[in-house]
Amino acid sequence: MIKTFPVVALILMPILTFAGEVQTLNPDSVPAPFKNRFSHGKLVPSEAEWLCTAGQTGRDVDGRIGVGIEEQADLAMRSLFNIVVEAGMSSDDVIKMTIYYLDPSHLPIIVAARNRRFGKDFRPASTAVGVAALANPGYLVPG
């Protein structure tokens, strides 16, 4: 029997430095973002420097997989946030986040962890995608 763990993995694309402002795009001709939790688009100035992150899972620095979806979501968001901070950035610099999950019931837990780490007003361009399988059979939510 394969033991499964609800591993969270996420991808985000923050910008590093730029002259100008990122423009949020939520046109009236497009349905409003679901529960106002994200932005439909972000327009970044051409002179911006970019930081792209790898997907992060719910593991700690020793490689231990967190117990349960809550801990794994917190670990994944902490890893992503620490990468952003290491680059000298903040939540305001993040323009895109993609979340992959196996179980739709995990999504509110993942979003709550995201909001705790990045702030309740964090609204990057976002996509959440349910998938049938992941690279590691023990992972329930990939990035």
N, C-alpha and C. Protein backbone atom coordinates (compact mmCIF):
# COMPACT_ATOMS: atom_id res chain seq x y z
N MET A 1 0.84 -1.17 0.00
CA MET A 1 0.00 0.00 0.00
C MET A 1 0.89 1.24 0.00
N ILE A 2 0.59 2.18 -0.88
CA ILE A 2 1.35 3.43 -0.94
C ILE A 2 0.76 4.41 0.05
N LYS A 3 1.61 4.94 0.92
CA LYS A 3 1.16 5.96 1.87
C LYS A 3 1.21 7.31 1.16
N THR A 4 0.12 8.06 1.23
CA THR A 4 0.08 9.35 0.56
C THR A 4 0.11 10.48 1.58
N PHE A 5 0.67 11.60 1.18
CA PHE A 5 0.75 12.79 2.00
C PHE A 5 0.18 13.96 1.21
N PRO A 6 -0.57 14.84 1.85
CA PRO A 6 -1.11 15.99 1.13
C PRO A 6 -0.04 17.06 0.95
N VAL A 7 0.82 16.87 -0.02
CA VAL A 7 1.92 17.80 -0.26
C VAL A 7 1.45 18.95 -1.13
N VAL A 8 1.79 20.13 -0.71
CA VAL A 8 1.44 21.33 -1.44
C VAL A 8 2.65 21.78 -2.24
N ALA A 9 2.47 22.10 -3.48
CA ALA A 9 3.55 22.67 -4.27
C ALA A 9 2.97 23.84 -5.06
N LEU A 10 3.70 24.91 -5.08
CA LEU A 10 3.21 26.13 -5.69
C LEU A 10 4.29 26.78 -6.51
N ILE A 11 3.88 27.55 -7.48
CA ILE A 11 4.81 28.31 -8.30
C ILE A 11 4.36 29.76 -8.27
N LEU A 12 5.31 30.67 -8.12
CA LEU A 12 4.97 32.07 -8.28
C LEU A 12 6.06 32.76 -9.07
N MET A 13 5.70 33.86 -9.69
CA MET A 13 6.65 34.61 -10.50
C MET A 13 6.67 36.05 -10.03
N PRO A 14 7.57 36.40 -9.13
CA PRO A 14 7.67 37.79 -8.71
C PRO A 14 8.65 38.56 -9.58
N ILE A 15 8.55 39.88 -9.56
CA ILE A 15 9.51 40.72 -10.23
C ILE A 15 10.47 41.25 -9.18
N LEU A 16 11.66 41.62 -9.59
CA LEU A 16 12.64 42.07 -8.62
C LEU A 16 12.70 43.58 -8.53
N THR A 17 13.17 44.24 -9.52
CA THR A 17 13.23 45.69 -9.48
C THR A 17 12.81 46.24 -10.82
N PHE A 18 12.25 47.43 -10.80
CA PHE A 18 11.83 48.06 -12.03
C PHE A 18 11.56 49.54 -11.77
N ALA A 19 11.55 50.30 -12.84
CA ALA A 19 11.19 51.71 -12.76
C ALA A 19 9.79 51.83 -13.31
N GLY A 20 8.85 52.14 -12.49
CA GLY A 20 7.46 52.23 -12.92
C GLY A 20 6.58 51.36 -12.05
N GLU A 21 5.34 51.27 -12.42
CA GLU A 21 4.40 50.51 -11.61
C GLU A 21 3.84 49.33 -12.39
N VAL A 22 3.54 48.28 -11.65
CA VAL A 22 2.82 47.15 -12.22
C VAL A 22 1.36 47.56 -12.29
N GLN A 23 0.74 47.33 -13.43
CA GLN A 23 -0.66 47.69 -13.61
C GLN A 23 -1.52 46.45 -13.43
N THR A 24 -2.54 46.54 -12.57
CA THR A 24 -3.48 45.45 -12.37
C THR A 24 -4.58 45.56 -13.42
N LEU A 25 -4.90 44.43 -14.07
CA LEU A 25 -5.90 44.41 -15.13
C LEU A 25 -7.07 43.52 -14.74
N ASN A 26 -8.19 44.15 -14.42
CA ASN A 26 -9.45 43.48 -14.16
C ASN A 26 -10.53 44.20 -14.97
N PRO A 27 -10.52 44.05 -16.31
CA PRO A 27 -11.46 44.82 -17.14
C PRO A 27 -12.91 44.47 -16.86
N ASP A 28 -13.79 45.44 -17.04
CA ASP A 28 -15.22 45.23 -16.86
C ASP A 28 -15.78 44.22 -17.87
N SER A 29 -15.07 43.98 -18.96
CA SER A 29 -15.52 43.05 -19.99
C SER A 29 -15.21 41.59 -19.64
N VAL A 30 -14.61 41.36 -18.47
CA VAL A 30 -14.25 40.02 -18.00
C VAL A 30 -14.96 39.80 -16.66
N PRO A 31 -15.47 38.60 -16.38
CA PRO A 31 -16.11 38.37 -15.08
C PRO A 31 -15.15 38.73 -13.94
N ALA A 32 -15.68 39.28 -12.86
CA ALA A 32 -14.86 39.69 -11.72
C ALA A 32 -14.11 38.48 -11.16
N PRO A 33 -12.91 38.70 -10.62
CA PRO A 33 -12.16 37.60 -9.99
C PRO A 33 -12.98 36.92 -8.90
N PHE A 34 -12.94 35.62 -8.87
CA PHE A 34 -13.68 34.83 -7.89
C PHE A 34 -13.36 35.29 -6.47
N LYS A 35 -14.37 35.72 -5.76
CA LYS A 35 -14.25 36.18 -4.37
C LYS A 35 -13.17 37.24 -4.19
N ASN A 36 -12.81 37.92 -5.27
CA ASN A 36 -11.79 38.97 -5.23
C ASN A 36 -10.47 38.48 -4.63
N ARG A 37 -10.11 37.22 -4.92
CA ARG A 37 -8.90 36.62 -4.35
C ARG A 37 -7.68 36.74 -5.24
N PHE A 38 -7.84 37.26 -6.46
CA PHE A 38 -6.73 37.34 -7.38
C PHE A 38 -6.99 38.46 -8.37
N SER A 39 -6.05 38.72 -9.24
CA SER A 39 -6.20 39.66 -10.34
C SER A 39 -6.16 38.89 -11.65
N HIS A 40 -6.90 39.33 -12.64
CA HIS A 40 -6.89 38.63 -13.94
C HIS A 40 -5.57 38.82 -14.67
N GLY A 41 -4.97 39.96 -14.52
CA GLY A 41 -3.71 40.21 -15.22
C GLY A 41 -2.87 41.24 -14.51
N LYS A 42 -1.58 41.19 -14.76
CA LYS A 42 -0.63 42.17 -14.25
C LYS A 42 0.26 42.57 -15.42
N LEU A 43 0.34 43.86 -15.69
CA LEU A 43 1.19 44.36 -16.75
C LEU A 43 2.46 44.92 -16.11
N VAL A 44 3.59 44.33 -16.48
CA VAL A 44 4.88 44.67 -15.88
C VAL A 44 5.68 45.52 -16.86
N PRO A 45 6.31 46.60 -16.39
CA PRO A 45 7.13 47.42 -17.28
C PRO A 45 8.24 46.59 -17.94
N SER A 46 8.58 46.95 -19.17
CA SER A 46 9.56 46.17 -19.93
C SER A 46 10.95 46.18 -19.30
N GLU A 47 11.27 47.18 -18.51
CA GLU A 47 12.61 47.25 -17.91
C GLU A 47 12.72 46.47 -16.59
N ALA A 48 11.69 45.71 -16.25
CA ALA A 48 11.69 44.98 -14.98
C ALA A 48 12.68 43.82 -15.00
N GLU A 49 13.20 43.51 -13.84
CA GLU A 49 14.03 42.32 -13.63
C GLU A 49 13.11 41.26 -13.04
N TRP A 50 13.28 40.00 -13.42
CA TRP A 50 12.37 38.95 -13.01
C TRP A 50 13.05 37.91 -12.10
N LEU A 51 12.28 37.38 -11.18
CA LEU A 51 12.68 36.23 -10.39
C LEU A 51 11.62 35.16 -10.63
N CYS A 52 12.00 34.01 -11.11
CA CYS A 52 11.08 32.88 -11.29
C CYS A 52 11.44 31.83 -10.27
N THR A 53 10.43 31.28 -9.62
CA THR A 53 10.67 30.27 -8.60
C THR A 53 10.28 28.89 -9.11
N ALA A 54 10.91 27.90 -8.54
CA ALA A 54 10.50 26.51 -8.79
C ALA A 54 9.27 26.24 -7.92
N GLY A 55 8.54 25.19 -8.27
CA GLY A 55 7.43 24.78 -7.42
C GLY A 55 7.96 24.35 -6.06
N GLN A 56 7.23 24.68 -5.02
CA GLN A 56 7.63 24.34 -3.66
C GLN A 56 6.62 23.37 -3.07
N THR A 57 7.11 22.42 -2.32
CA THR A 57 6.24 21.43 -1.69
C THR A 57 6.23 21.65 -0.18
N GLY A 58 5.39 20.92 0.50
CA GLY A 58 5.23 21.04 1.94
C GLY A 58 6.27 20.27 2.72
N ARG A 59 7.55 20.57 2.44
CA ARG A 59 8.65 19.93 3.16
C ARG A 59 9.43 21.00 3.91
N ASP A 60 10.02 20.59 5.05
CA ASP A 60 10.86 21.53 5.78
C ASP A 60 12.30 21.46 5.26
N VAL A 61 13.20 22.25 5.84
CA VAL A 61 14.58 22.32 5.33
C VAL A 61 15.32 20.99 5.46
N ASP A 62 14.84 20.10 6.32
CA ASP A 62 15.46 18.78 6.46
C ASP A 62 14.84 17.75 5.52
N GLY A 63 13.86 18.18 4.71
CA GLY A 63 13.22 17.27 3.77
C GLY A 63 12.04 16.52 4.34
N ARG A 64 11.71 16.79 5.60
CA ARG A 64 10.56 16.12 6.23
C ARG A 64 9.27 16.65 5.63
N ILE A 65 8.39 15.77 5.23
CA ILE A 65 7.09 16.16 4.70
C ILE A 65 6.18 16.49 5.88
N GLY A 66 5.53 17.65 5.80
CA GLY A 66 4.63 18.07 6.86
C GLY A 66 3.48 17.09 7.06
N VAL A 67 2.93 17.11 8.26
CA VAL A 67 1.82 16.23 8.59
C VAL A 67 0.53 16.97 8.29
N GLY A 68 -0.23 16.49 7.35
CA GLY A 68 -1.52 17.10 7.01
C GLY A 68 -1.40 18.30 6.08
N ILE A 69 -2.50 18.63 5.47
CA ILE A 69 -2.53 19.69 4.48
C ILE A 69 -2.22 21.06 5.09
N GLU A 70 -2.67 21.32 6.32
CA GLU A 70 -2.41 22.62 6.92
C GLU A 70 -0.92 22.88 7.08
N GLU A 71 -0.20 21.92 7.65
CA GLU A 71 1.24 22.10 7.84
C GLU A 71 1.97 22.16 6.50
N GLN A 72 1.56 21.32 5.57
CA GLN A 72 2.24 21.33 4.27
C GLN A 72 1.99 22.62 3.51
N ALA A 73 0.78 23.15 3.58
CA ALA A 73 0.49 24.43 2.93
C ALA A 73 1.33 25.54 3.56
N ASP A 74 1.44 25.53 4.88
CA ASP A 74 2.26 26.54 5.56
C ASP A 74 3.73 26.42 5.17
N LEU A 75 4.24 25.19 5.10
CA LEU A 75 5.64 25.00 4.73
C LEU A 75 5.91 25.46 3.29
N ALA A 76 5.01 25.13 2.37
CA ALA A 76 5.19 25.53 0.98
C ALA A 76 5.16 27.05 0.84
N MET A 77 4.20 27.69 1.51
CA MET A 77 4.11 29.15 1.44
C MET A 77 5.30 29.82 2.12
N ARG A 78 5.77 29.23 3.19
CA ARG A 78 6.96 29.78 3.85
C ARG A 78 8.17 29.70 2.93
N SER A 79 8.33 28.58 2.25
CA SER A 79 9.45 28.44 1.31
C SER A 79 9.37 29.49 0.20
N LEU A 80 8.18 29.63 -0.39
CA LEU A 80 8.02 30.63 -1.44
C LEU A 80 8.31 32.03 -0.93
N PHE A 81 7.76 32.36 0.22
CA PHE A 81 7.96 33.70 0.78
C PHE A 81 9.44 33.94 1.08
N ASN A 82 10.12 32.93 1.60
CA ASN A 82 11.56 33.07 1.90
C ASN A 82 12.38 33.30 0.63
N ILE A 83 11.99 32.70 -0.48
CA ILE A 83 12.67 32.93 -1.75
C ILE A 83 12.47 34.39 -2.18
N VAL A 84 11.25 34.87 -2.04
CA VAL A 84 10.94 36.26 -2.38
C VAL A 84 11.78 37.21 -1.53
N VAL A 85 11.83 36.97 -0.23
CA VAL A 85 12.60 37.83 0.69
C VAL A 85 14.09 37.76 0.37
N GLU A 86 14.59 36.57 0.08
CA GLU A 86 16.01 36.39 -0.27
C GLU A 86 16.39 37.24 -1.48
N ALA A 87 15.44 37.45 -2.38
CA ALA A 87 15.68 38.26 -3.57
C ALA A 87 15.51 39.76 -3.30
N GLY A 88 15.22 40.11 -2.04
CA GLY A 88 15.05 41.51 -1.68
C GLY A 88 13.69 42.06 -2.07
N MET A 89 12.70 41.18 -2.11
CA MET A 89 11.37 41.56 -2.56
C MET A 89 10.35 41.38 -1.44
N SER A 90 9.11 41.75 -1.74
CA SER A 90 8.00 41.57 -0.79
C SER A 90 6.80 41.01 -1.55
N SER A 91 5.72 40.79 -0.85
CA SER A 91 4.48 40.30 -1.46
C SER A 91 4.01 41.21 -2.59
N ASP A 92 4.26 42.50 -2.46
CA ASP A 92 3.83 43.46 -3.48
C ASP A 92 4.50 43.22 -4.83
N ASP A 93 5.62 42.53 -4.85
CA ASP A 93 6.36 42.28 -6.08
C ASP A 93 5.91 41.02 -6.81
N VAL A 94 5.09 40.21 -6.18
CA VAL A 94 4.65 38.95 -6.79
C VAL A 94 3.53 39.24 -7.78
N ILE A 95 3.69 38.77 -9.01
CA ILE A 95 2.67 39.05 -10.02
C ILE A 95 1.88 37.82 -10.46
N LYS A 96 2.40 36.61 -10.24
CA LYS A 96 1.71 35.41 -10.71
C LYS A 96 1.93 34.27 -9.74
N MET A 97 0.85 33.54 -9.42
CA MET A 97 0.95 32.34 -8.60
C MET A 97 0.07 31.27 -9.23
N THR A 98 0.62 30.06 -9.34
CA THR A 98 -0.13 28.92 -9.83
C THR A 98 -0.12 27.84 -8.76
N ILE A 99 -1.29 27.31 -8.46
CA ILE A 99 -1.43 26.24 -7.47
C ILE A 99 -2.02 25.02 -8.17
N TYR A 100 -1.35 23.89 -8.01
CA TYR A 100 -1.87 22.61 -8.51
C TYR A 100 -2.31 21.79 -7.30
N TYR A 101 -3.42 21.08 -7.41
CA TYR A 101 -3.91 20.28 -6.29
C TYR A 101 -4.61 19.03 -6.81
N LEU A 102 -4.67 18.01 -5.97
CA LEU A 102 -5.41 16.79 -6.30
C LEU A 102 -6.81 16.81 -5.69
N ASP A 103 -6.94 17.42 -4.53
CA ASP A 103 -8.20 17.39 -3.79
C ASP A 103 -8.76 18.81 -3.69
N PRO A 104 -9.89 19.09 -4.32
CA PRO A 104 -10.46 20.44 -4.28
C PRO A 104 -10.73 20.95 -2.86
N SER A 105 -10.96 20.05 -1.91
CA SER A 105 -11.21 20.49 -0.53
C SER A 105 -9.97 21.11 0.11
N HIS A 106 -8.80 20.89 -0.48
CA HIS A 106 -7.57 21.48 0.05
C HIS A 106 -7.39 22.94 -0.34
N LEU A 107 -8.05 23.36 -1.41
CA LEU A 107 -7.82 24.71 -1.93
C LEU A 107 -8.08 25.82 -0.91
N PRO A 108 -9.17 25.81 -0.15
CA PRO A 108 -9.36 26.86 0.85
C PRO A 108 -8.26 26.87 1.92
N ILE A 109 -7.74 25.71 2.25
CA ILE A 109 -6.66 25.61 3.24
C ILE A 109 -5.38 26.21 2.66
N ILE A 110 -5.11 25.93 1.39
CA ILE A 110 -3.92 26.47 0.73
C ILE A 110 -4.03 27.99 0.62
N VAL A 111 -5.21 28.49 0.23
CA VAL A 111 -5.42 29.94 0.12
C VAL A 111 -5.26 30.61 1.48
N ALA A 112 -5.76 29.99 2.54
CA ALA A 112 -5.60 30.56 3.88
C ALA A 112 -4.12 30.65 4.26
N ALA A 113 -3.34 29.62 3.94
CA ALA A 113 -1.90 29.64 4.22
C ALA A 113 -1.21 30.73 3.39
N ARG A 114 -1.63 30.86 2.14
CA ARG A 114 -1.09 31.92 1.27
C ARG A 114 -1.36 33.28 1.88
N ASN A 115 -2.58 33.52 2.35
CA ASN A 115 -2.94 34.81 2.92
C ASN A 115 -2.21 35.09 4.23
N ARG A 116 -1.99 34.06 5.04
CA ARG A 116 -1.22 34.26 6.28
C ARG A 116 0.21 34.69 5.98
N ARG A 117 0.81 34.12 4.96
CA ARG A 117 2.22 34.40 4.66
C ARG A 117 2.38 35.66 3.82
N PHE A 118 1.56 35.83 2.79
CA PHE A 118 1.73 36.93 1.85
C PHE A 118 0.82 38.13 2.14
N GLY A 119 -0.18 37.95 3.01
CA GLY A 119 -1.08 39.04 3.38
C GLY A 119 -2.48 38.83 2.82
N LYS A 120 -3.47 39.29 3.58
CA LYS A 120 -4.86 39.06 3.16
C LYS A 120 -5.23 39.84 1.91
N ASP A 121 -4.50 40.90 1.58
CA ASP A 121 -4.77 41.68 0.38
C ASP A 121 -3.90 41.26 -0.80
N PHE A 122 -3.22 40.13 -0.70
CA PHE A 122 -2.35 39.59 -1.75
C PHE A 122 -3.22 39.12 -2.91
N ARG A 123 -3.06 39.75 -4.08
CA ARG A 123 -3.89 39.40 -5.23
C ARG A 123 -3.06 39.37 -6.52
N PRO A 124 -2.17 38.39 -6.66
CA PRO A 124 -1.44 38.27 -7.92
C PRO A 124 -2.37 37.70 -8.99
N ALA A 125 -1.92 37.69 -10.22
CA ALA A 125 -2.62 36.92 -11.24
C ALA A 125 -2.47 35.46 -10.80
N SER A 126 -3.57 34.75 -10.65
CA SER A 126 -3.52 33.41 -10.06
C SER A 126 -4.31 32.40 -10.86
N THR A 127 -3.84 31.16 -10.79
CA THR A 127 -4.54 30.05 -11.40
C THR A 127 -4.44 28.86 -10.45
N ALA A 128 -5.55 28.18 -10.22
CA ALA A 128 -5.54 26.94 -9.44
C ALA A 128 -6.02 25.83 -10.38
N VAL A 129 -5.26 24.75 -10.43
CA VAL A 129 -5.53 23.68 -11.38
C VAL A 129 -5.60 22.33 -10.66
N GLY A 130 -6.72 21.64 -10.81
CA GLY A 130 -6.83 20.29 -10.29
C GLY A 130 -6.19 19.32 -11.27
N VAL A 131 -5.40 18.40 -10.76
CA VAL A 131 -4.72 17.43 -11.61
C VAL A 131 -5.02 16.01 -11.11
N ALA A 132 -4.83 15.03 -11.98
CA ALA A 132 -5.14 13.64 -11.66
C ALA A 132 -3.99 12.92 -10.97
N ALA A 133 -2.75 13.33 -11.23
CA ALA A 133 -1.59 12.65 -10.65
C ALA A 133 -0.42 13.60 -10.63
N LEU A 134 0.57 13.27 -9.82
CA LEU A 134 1.76 14.09 -9.67
C LEU A 134 3.01 13.25 -9.91
N ALA A 135 4.14 13.92 -9.96
CA ALA A 135 5.40 13.23 -10.22
C ALA A 135 5.75 12.24 -9.12
N ASN A 136 5.42 12.55 -7.88
CA ASN A 136 5.66 11.68 -6.74
C ASN A 136 4.30 11.17 -6.28
N PRO A 137 4.08 9.87 -6.25
CA PRO A 137 2.76 9.35 -5.88
C PRO A 137 2.34 9.72 -4.46
N GLY A 138 3.27 10.14 -3.61
CA GLY A 138 2.91 10.56 -2.26
C GLY A 138 2.40 11.97 -2.17
N TYR A 139 2.60 12.76 -3.23
CA TYR A 139 2.16 14.15 -3.22
C TYR A 139 0.69 14.24 -3.64
N LEU A 140 -0.06 15.03 -2.89
CA LEU A 140 -1.46 15.25 -3.22
C LEU A 140 -1.68 16.61 -3.86
N VAL A 141 -0.75 17.54 -3.72
CA VAL A 141 -0.88 18.87 -4.31
C VAL A 141 0.48 19.31 -4.83
N PRO A 142 0.68 19.47 -6.16
CA PRO A 142 1.96 19.86 -6.71
C PRO A 142 2.01 21.29 -7.18
N GLY A 143 3.19 21.73 -7.53
CA GLY A 143 3.35 23.05 -8.13
C GLY A 143 4.07 22.96 -9.43
